[in-house]
Amino acid sequence: MNQLHMRNRAKLALEDGRVFEGLSFGACGERYGELVFNTSMAGYQEILTDPSYKGQIVTMTYPLIGNYGINEEDVESRKLFIEGFVVRECSRLASNWRSDKTLEEYLSENDIIGMEDIDTRALTKHIRLAGAMKAVLSTEDLDDESLVEKAKASAGLVGRDLVKDVTGKGVNNWNKKGKYKVVVIDCGVKFNILRELESRDCRVVVVEANTSFDEILNMKPDGILLSNGPGDPEPVTYVIKTVKSLIGKIPIFGICLGHQMLGLAFGGKTYKLKFGHHGANHPVKDTRTGKISITSQNHGFCVDEKSLNPKDIEITHINLNDNTLEGMRHKKLPIFSVQFHPEASPGPHDAEYLFGQFIEMMER
């Protein structure tokens, strides 16, 4: 423990005045973001590299993080987009045959502040009761009053377009061959979505989020995938506009933020959840089969089921924790979407069938 206490002090201040003190690991400095908790017991590398966490500081509910290290194969995007990482204990020992480096080394290399030696149970319970909120994580300013004021003054997620910060540039060919040509609108896509498509004989073309309807149509795709991504869907008006134009022209599959974009394109509304869904253990019911899937989720906003036109839209999936909307499909057109992540496999393969449905849709 002596080595730990030689580390920099760090503080996490929330906009409601609550302050937690701990020790830093990784980078030093000051970062702002909405504070959320993730209930996954493993998968911290996938969480760190998930673009959907842009604008957020994540605390892990599982107490020991980093024990199997970091490897080059499990990254989900080109870089780390997370604003800060809070754990009970960061393991200095990385024991795994695939491990290339420790969690601490990884955060240092990527200029991400980590914080440990805090009561993550108390922090999580506080967020569950009070809701996700704006926060600041600092190793520089350790004055409680100053930090709380900074948290209050920070931008938050509502009304911000974070997609522009995570989307790739231009047009990128993920692979060269495949029976079906799928254009992925990149709002912060995870690599495993692309791998799942490739494994099903798809030629995958990833395009920047602001790519126009005409540009996409000129690529002559067999299907469109609307990807996951960070934050509030409503300000991302350029994607919603493109999706509206694509409806009825080409089969569409939406995942996470892509599901919310479809909901808005259908004329529905979205709203902010109290503390969001972040974890790998969310039970979701398929309303058509009654089957329950254990799903991986990462979102703070949700499509309002009551705002959708029941003449056109069928509800296909419901979250069993809070009865929120988790999936829908168009009754006449080849379009469907889910709020959870079918590529993340916590079940381990409960939701993979959705990619099969997308392939069938393109075949028809």
Protein backbone atom coordinates (compact mmCIF):
# COMPACT_ATOMS: atom_id res chain seq x y z
CA MET A 1 0.00 0.00 0.00
CA ASN A 2 2.95 2.38 0.54
CA GLN A 3 3.49 2.52 -3.21
CA LEU A 4 -0.19 3.39 -3.72
CA HIS A 5 -0.12 6.25 -1.25
CA MET A 6 2.82 7.83 -3.09
CA ARG A 7 0.47 8.28 -6.05
CA ASN A 8 -1.27 11.55 -6.88
CA ARG A 9 -4.43 12.34 -5.01
CA ALA A 10 -7.47 12.66 -7.22
CA LYS A 11 -10.99 13.95 -6.68
CA LEU A 12 -14.29 13.25 -8.38
CA ALA A 13 -16.85 16.01 -7.85
CA LEU A 14 -20.51 15.76 -8.87
CA GLU A 15 -22.77 18.65 -9.78
CA ASP A 16 -25.01 17.97 -6.75
CA GLY A 17 -22.09 18.74 -4.39
CA ARG A 18 -20.96 15.19 -3.57
CA VAL A 19 -17.16 14.77 -3.70
CA PHE A 20 -15.15 11.52 -3.64
CA GLU A 21 -11.41 11.38 -3.00
CA GLY A 22 -9.05 8.66 -4.19
CA LEU A 23 -5.73 8.05 -5.90
CA SER A 24 -4.96 8.52 -9.58
CA PHE A 25 -3.50 6.06 -12.05
CA GLY A 26 -2.90 6.55 -15.74
CA ALA A 27 -2.77 10.18 -16.85
CA CYS A 28 -2.93 13.35 -14.75
CA GLY A 29 -5.03 16.43 -15.42
CA GLU A 30 -8.70 17.34 -15.36
CA ARG A 31 -11.62 15.87 -17.34
CA TYR A 32 -15.35 16.54 -17.51
CA GLY A 33 -18.19 14.18 -18.36
CA GLU A 34 -21.49 12.68 -17.32
CA LEU A 35 -20.85 10.11 -14.58
CA VAL A 36 -22.36 6.64 -15.16
CA PHE A 37 -21.78 3.17 -13.72
CA ASN A 38 -21.20 -0.08 -15.62
CA THR A 39 -22.13 -3.42 -14.02
CA SER A 40 -19.95 -5.67 -16.23
CA MET A 41 -17.56 -7.98 -14.37
CA ALA A 42 -15.16 -8.16 -17.35
CA GLY A 43 -14.73 -6.38 -20.67
CA TYR A 44 -13.10 -3.20 -19.37
CA GLN A 45 -10.99 -2.91 -22.54
CA GLU A 46 -14.11 -3.00 -24.73
CA ILE A 47 -15.70 -0.35 -22.48
CA LEU A 48 -12.64 1.93 -22.70
CA THR A 49 -12.61 1.73 -26.52
CA ASP A 50 -16.39 1.99 -27.07
CA PRO A 51 -17.04 5.36 -28.83
CA SER A 52 -20.48 5.45 -27.16
CA TYR A 53 -18.70 6.54 -23.95
CA LYS A 54 -17.56 9.85 -25.47
CA GLY A 55 -18.61 12.55 -22.99
CA GLN A 56 -18.80 10.15 -20.03
CA ILE A 57 -16.79 9.19 -16.96
CA VAL A 58 -17.38 5.52 -16.15
CA THR A 59 -17.22 3.83 -12.75
CA MET A 60 -17.09 0.03 -12.64
CA THR A 61 -19.19 -1.74 -10.02
CA TYR A 62 -16.94 -4.83 -10.02
CA PRO A 63 -14.21 -4.09 -7.44
CA LEU A 64 -11.01 -5.38 -9.15
CA ILE A 65 -10.33 -4.13 -12.67
CA GLY A 66 -7.27 -4.73 -14.85
CA ASN A 67 -6.34 -8.24 -13.70
CA TYR A 68 -6.14 -9.72 -17.22
CA GLY A 69 -4.36 -6.73 -18.75
CA ILE A 70 -4.79 -5.21 -22.20
CA ASN A 71 -4.22 -6.77 -25.65
CA GLU A 72 -4.20 -5.44 -29.20
CA GLU A 73 -7.04 -7.67 -30.45
CA ASP A 74 -9.94 -6.64 -28.20
CA VAL A 75 -10.15 -2.93 -29.05
CA GLU A 76 -13.54 -1.78 -30.36
CA SER A 77 -12.44 1.39 -32.16
CA ARG A 78 -9.40 3.33 -33.35
CA LYS A 79 -8.80 5.08 -29.97
CA LEU A 80 -10.14 5.62 -26.44
CA PHE A 81 -13.06 8.05 -26.29
CA ILE A 82 -13.96 7.69 -22.59
CA GLU A 83 -13.43 10.83 -20.47
CA GLY A 84 -12.33 9.12 -17.24
CA PHE A 85 -12.29 5.72 -15.52
CA VAL A 86 -13.11 5.11 -11.83
CA VAL A 87 -12.51 1.77 -10.07
CA ARG A 88 -12.27 0.39 -6.54
CA GLU A 89 -8.86 -1.17 -7.22
CA CYS A 90 -6.66 -1.18 -10.33
CA SER A 91 -4.74 -4.44 -10.58
CA ARG A 92 -0.99 -3.93 -11.08
CA LEU A 93 -0.73 -7.63 -11.98
CA ALA A 94 -1.91 -8.44 -15.52
CA SER A 95 -2.14 -12.21 -15.79
CA ASN A 96 -3.19 -13.47 -19.22
CA TRP A 97 -1.32 -15.09 -22.11
CA ARG A 98 -2.72 -12.46 -24.51
CA SER A 99 -1.81 -9.49 -22.31
CA ASP A 100 0.52 -6.90 -23.85
CA LYS A 101 0.43 -4.27 -21.09
CA THR A 102 -1.29 -3.28 -17.86
CA LEU A 103 -4.43 -1.16 -17.57
CA GLU A 104 -2.38 1.62 -15.95
CA GLU A 105 0.09 1.67 -18.86
CA TYR A 106 -2.79 1.74 -21.34
CA LEU A 107 -4.48 4.74 -19.71
CA SER A 108 -1.14 6.59 -19.45
CA GLU A 109 -0.37 6.03 -23.15
CA ASN A 110 -3.82 7.30 -24.15
CA ASP A 111 -3.95 10.29 -21.77
CA ILE A 112 -6.96 9.01 -19.81
CA ILE A 113 -7.27 9.73 -16.08
CA GLY A 114 -7.98 6.72 -13.89
CA MET A 115 -9.01 6.94 -10.25
CA GLU A 116 -8.95 4.16 -7.63
CA ASP A 117 -9.19 3.60 -3.89
CA ILE A 118 -12.69 5.06 -3.67
CA ASP A 119 -15.95 3.48 -2.48
CA THR A 120 -17.49 2.60 -5.85
CA ARG A 121 -20.48 0.96 -4.08
CA ALA A 122 -21.39 4.27 -2.42
CA LEU A 123 -20.83 6.11 -5.71
CA THR A 124 -23.04 3.70 -7.66
CA LYS A 125 -25.83 3.79 -5.07
CA HIS A 126 -25.72 7.59 -5.18
CA ILE A 127 -26.10 7.64 -8.99
CA ARG A 128 -28.95 5.10 -8.82
CA LEU A 129 -30.85 7.34 -6.42
CA ALA A 130 -29.93 10.77 -7.79
CA GLY A 131 -29.43 9.84 -11.47
CA ALA A 132 -26.46 10.18 -13.81
CA MET A 133 -25.04 13.69 -13.53
CA LYS A 134 -22.29 16.02 -14.67
CA ALA A 135 -18.95 15.49 -12.96
CA VAL A 136 -15.28 16.50 -13.01
CA LEU A 137 -12.31 14.22 -12.35
CA SER A 138 -9.12 16.04 -11.36
CA THR A 139 -5.58 15.45 -10.12
CA GLU A 140 -4.81 19.19 -10.27
CA ASP A 141 -7.56 21.17 -8.56
CA LEU A 142 -8.36 19.45 -5.24
CA ASP A 143 -10.61 22.18 -3.82
CA ASP A 144 -14.10 20.75 -3.29
CA GLU A 145 -16.05 23.98 -3.85
CA SER A 146 -14.11 24.86 -7.00
CA LEU A 147 -14.60 21.36 -8.45
CA VAL A 148 -18.35 21.29 -7.78
CA GLU A 149 -18.73 24.65 -9.53
CA LYS A 150 -16.74 23.31 -12.51
CA ALA A 151 -18.99 20.23 -12.67
CA LYS A 152 -22.12 22.42 -12.65
CA ALA A 153 -20.71 24.62 -15.42
CA SER A 154 -19.66 21.71 -17.67
CA ALA A 155 -21.51 20.88 -20.88
CA GLY A 156 -23.33 17.61 -20.04
CA LEU A 157 -24.85 15.38 -22.73
CA VAL A 158 -28.29 16.84 -23.48
CA GLY A 159 -28.43 18.87 -26.70
CA ARG A 160 -24.83 18.09 -27.72
CA ASP A 161 -23.82 16.41 -30.97
CA LEU A 162 -21.04 14.01 -29.93
CA VAL A 163 -21.26 11.92 -33.12
CA LYS A 164 -19.11 14.45 -35.00
CA ASP A 165 -16.29 13.77 -32.48
CA VAL A 166 -16.23 9.99 -32.96
CA THR A 167 -17.17 9.27 -36.59
CA GLY A 168 -14.40 8.16 -38.95
CA LYS A 169 -13.44 10.32 -41.92
CA GLY A 170 -14.54 9.62 -45.50
CA VAL A 171 -15.32 6.18 -46.89
CA ASN A 172 -13.51 3.12 -45.53
CA ASN A 173 -13.67 -0.44 -46.85
CA TRP A 174 -13.61 -2.78 -43.83
CA ASN A 175 -13.13 -5.80 -46.15
CA LYS A 176 -13.00 -6.41 -49.91
CA LYS A 177 -15.33 -9.38 -50.57
CA GLY A 178 -18.87 -10.46 -49.72
CA LYS A 179 -22.18 -11.46 -51.25
CA TYR A 180 -24.05 -8.52 -49.68
CA LYS A 181 -22.81 -4.95 -49.76
CA VAL A 182 -23.62 -3.24 -46.45
CA VAL A 183 -23.05 0.48 -45.92
CA VAL A 184 -22.50 1.26 -42.23
CA ILE A 185 -23.30 4.84 -41.21
CA ASP A 186 -20.59 5.41 -38.61
CA CYS A 187 -21.93 7.27 -35.58
CA GLY A 188 -19.23 5.62 -33.43
CA VAL A 189 -19.36 2.04 -34.67
CA LYS A 190 -17.80 -0.80 -32.66
CA PHE A 191 -15.45 -3.06 -34.63
CA ASN A 192 -17.28 -6.20 -33.55
CA ILE A 193 -20.40 -5.09 -35.46
CA LEU A 194 -18.23 -4.96 -38.59
CA ARG A 195 -16.69 -8.37 -37.78
CA GLU A 196 -20.17 -9.91 -37.36
CA LEU A 197 -21.22 -8.60 -40.78
CA GLU A 198 -18.00 -9.79 -42.42
CA SER A 199 -18.45 -13.28 -40.95
CA ARG A 200 -21.87 -13.45 -42.66
CA ASP A 201 -20.52 -12.88 -46.17
CA CYS A 202 -21.02 -9.10 -46.20
CA ARG A 203 -18.76 -6.62 -47.93
CA VAL A 204 -18.72 -3.80 -45.38
CA VAL A 205 -18.27 -0.15 -46.34
CA VAL A 206 -18.07 2.31 -43.43
CA VAL A 207 -19.06 5.92 -44.19
CA GLU A 208 -18.79 9.14 -42.22
CA ALA A 209 -21.93 10.09 -40.29
CA ASN A 210 -22.61 13.17 -42.46
CA THR A 211 -22.54 11.21 -45.76
CA SER A 212 -25.54 12.25 -47.85
CA PHE A 213 -28.46 10.11 -49.02
CA ASP A 214 -27.34 10.44 -52.67
CA GLU A 215 -23.75 9.40 -51.91
CA ILE A 216 -25.00 6.30 -50.05
CA LEU A 217 -27.46 5.39 -52.81
CA ASN A 218 -24.69 5.73 -55.45
CA MET A 219 -22.76 2.96 -53.64
CA LYS A 220 -25.65 0.58 -54.52
CA PRO A 221 -25.82 -1.14 -51.10
CA ASP A 222 -27.94 -4.22 -50.36
CA GLY A 223 -28.48 -2.99 -46.82
CA ILE A 224 -27.80 -0.11 -44.41
CA LEU A 225 -26.58 -0.51 -40.83
CA LEU A 226 -27.09 2.46 -38.49
CA SER A 227 -24.40 2.14 -35.86
CA ASN A 228 -24.17 2.76 -32.15
CA GLY A 229 -22.72 6.05 -30.90
CA PRO A 230 -22.59 8.51 -28.00
CA GLY A 231 -24.98 10.88 -26.32
CA ASP A 232 -28.23 12.56 -27.25
CA PRO A 233 -29.64 11.54 -30.68
CA GLU A 234 -31.82 14.63 -31.21
CA PRO A 235 -29.03 17.12 -32.13
CA VAL A 236 -27.66 14.74 -34.80
CA THR A 237 -30.13 16.13 -37.33
CA TYR A 238 -28.03 15.35 -40.44
CA VAL A 239 -28.15 11.60 -39.74
CA ILE A 240 -31.89 11.70 -38.95
CA LYS A 241 -32.47 13.51 -42.26
CA THR A 242 -30.47 10.86 -44.20
CA VAL A 243 -32.32 8.02 -42.45
CA LYS A 244 -35.69 9.59 -43.34
CA SER A 245 -34.64 9.60 -47.01
CA LEU A 246 -33.43 5.97 -46.85
CA ILE A 247 -36.69 4.63 -45.36
CA GLY A 248 -38.46 2.49 -47.96
CA LYS A 249 -35.47 2.43 -50.35
CA ILE A 250 -33.12 -0.16 -48.78
CA PRO A 251 -33.27 -2.69 -45.88
CA ILE A 252 -32.12 -1.01 -42.65
CA PHE A 253 -30.84 -2.44 -39.35
CA GLY A 254 -30.28 -0.03 -36.43
CA ILE A 255 -28.24 -0.72 -33.28
CA CYS A 256 -28.31 1.42 -30.10
CA LEU A 257 -27.99 5.08 -31.24
CA GLY A 258 -28.99 3.80 -34.70
CA HIS A 259 -32.23 2.51 -33.15
CA GLN A 260 -32.86 5.95 -31.64
CA MET A 261 -32.14 7.65 -34.99
CA LEU A 262 -34.73 5.39 -36.62
CA GLY A 263 -37.26 6.22 -33.89
CA LEU A 264 -36.79 9.94 -34.56
CA ALA A 265 -36.91 9.40 -38.35
CA PHE A 266 -40.23 7.57 -37.88
CA GLY A 267 -41.58 10.73 -36.17
CA GLY A 268 -41.12 9.45 -32.61
CA LYS A 269 -39.48 11.11 -29.61
CA THR A 270 -36.56 10.21 -27.34
CA TYR A 271 -36.01 10.97 -23.65
CA LYS A 272 -33.16 10.72 -21.14
CA LEU A 273 -33.11 7.77 -18.75
CA LYS A 274 -32.42 8.39 -15.05
CA PHE A 275 -29.09 6.55 -14.96
CA GLY A 276 -29.04 4.74 -18.30
CA HIS A 277 -28.34 1.12 -19.12
CA HIS A 278 -24.62 0.26 -18.95
CA GLY A 279 -23.63 -3.37 -18.45
CA ALA A 280 -23.65 -6.92 -19.78
CA ASN A 281 -26.56 -8.38 -17.81
CA HIS A 282 -29.75 -6.68 -19.01
CA PRO A 283 -32.65 -9.09 -19.61
CA VAL A 284 -34.63 -8.33 -22.76
CA LYS A 285 -37.82 -10.09 -23.87
CA ASP A 286 -38.63 -10.76 -27.52
CA THR A 287 -42.37 -9.97 -27.58
CA ARG A 288 -43.00 -12.26 -30.56
CA THR A 289 -41.36 -15.43 -29.22
CA GLY A 290 -41.34 -14.80 -25.46
CA LYS A 291 -37.62 -15.62 -25.44
CA ILE A 292 -35.42 -13.79 -22.92
CA SER A 293 -31.93 -12.68 -23.97
CA ILE A 294 -29.20 -11.46 -21.61
CA THR A 295 -27.86 -8.41 -23.40
CA SER A 296 -25.02 -5.92 -23.34
CA GLN A 297 -26.14 -2.29 -23.23
CA ASN A 298 -24.67 1.18 -23.21
CA HIS A 299 -27.08 4.07 -23.63
CA GLY A 300 -28.50 6.99 -21.65
CA PHE A 301 -31.40 7.87 -23.97
CA CYS A 302 -34.44 5.88 -25.03
CA VAL A 303 -37.15 5.94 -27.72
CA ASP A 304 -40.57 6.78 -26.27
CA GLU A 305 -42.77 3.83 -27.19
CA LYS A 306 -45.96 5.94 -26.97
CA SER A 307 -44.63 8.40 -29.58
CA LEU A 308 -44.48 5.76 -32.34
CA ASN A 309 -47.37 5.15 -34.74
CA PRO A 310 -48.74 1.63 -33.98
CA LYS A 311 -50.15 1.40 -37.54
CA ASP A 312 -46.58 1.32 -38.90
CA ILE A 313 -44.33 0.22 -36.03
CA GLU A 314 -44.39 -3.04 -34.07
CA ILE A 315 -42.64 -3.25 -30.68
CA THR A 316 -40.40 -6.35 -30.77
CA HIS A 317 -38.30 -6.15 -27.59
CA ILE A 318 -38.85 -4.87 -24.03
CA ASN A 319 -36.35 -4.39 -21.18
CA LEU A 320 -37.46 -6.53 -18.23
CA ASN A 321 -35.74 -4.31 -15.64
CA ASP A 322 -37.74 -1.16 -16.39
CA ASN A 323 -40.07 -2.04 -19.31
CA THR A 324 -38.41 0.45 -21.66
CA LEU A 325 -38.41 -0.04 -25.43
CA GLU A 326 -35.57 -2.28 -26.66
CA GLY A 327 -36.55 -3.15 -30.23
CA MET A 328 -38.97 -2.35 -33.05
CA ARG A 329 -39.70 -3.15 -36.69
CA HIS A 330 -41.68 -1.57 -39.49
CA LYS A 331 -44.82 -3.56 -40.30
CA LYS A 332 -44.51 -3.14 -44.09
CA LEU A 333 -40.91 -2.14 -44.87
CA PRO A 334 -37.68 -4.15 -44.36
CA ILE A 335 -36.53 -2.10 -41.35
CA PHE A 336 -35.83 -3.13 -37.75
CA SER A 337 -33.68 -2.01 -34.83
CA VAL A 338 -32.63 -2.87 -31.28
CA GLN A 339 -31.46 -0.72 -28.39
CA PHE A 340 -28.99 -3.33 -27.08
CA HIS A 341 -25.72 -4.66 -28.60
CA PRO A 342 -26.18 -8.00 -30.43
CA GLU A 343 -22.48 -8.09 -31.32
CA ALA A 344 -21.25 -7.93 -27.71
CA SER A 345 -22.24 -11.53 -26.80
CA PRO A 346 -22.65 -11.53 -23.01
CA GLY A 347 -25.25 -14.32 -23.20
CA PRO A 348 -22.88 -15.43 -24.88
CA HIS A 349 -24.78 -15.72 -28.19
CA ASP A 350 -28.34 -14.80 -27.19
CA ALA A 351 -28.79 -11.95 -29.65
CA GLU A 352 -26.68 -13.04 -32.66
CA TYR A 353 -29.85 -14.13 -34.50
CA LEU A 354 -30.53 -10.47 -35.29
CA PHE A 355 -27.64 -10.37 -37.77
CA GLY A 356 -29.19 -13.44 -39.42
CA GLN A 357 -32.49 -11.57 -39.71
CA PHE A 358 -30.69 -8.68 -41.41
CA ILE A 359 -29.13 -11.09 -43.96
CA GLU A 360 -32.56 -12.68 -44.65
CA MET A 361 -34.02 -9.21 -45.17
CA MET A 362 -31.35 -8.37 -47.77
CA GLU A 363 -31.89 -11.72 -49.53
CA ARG A 364 -35.63 -11.03 -49.86
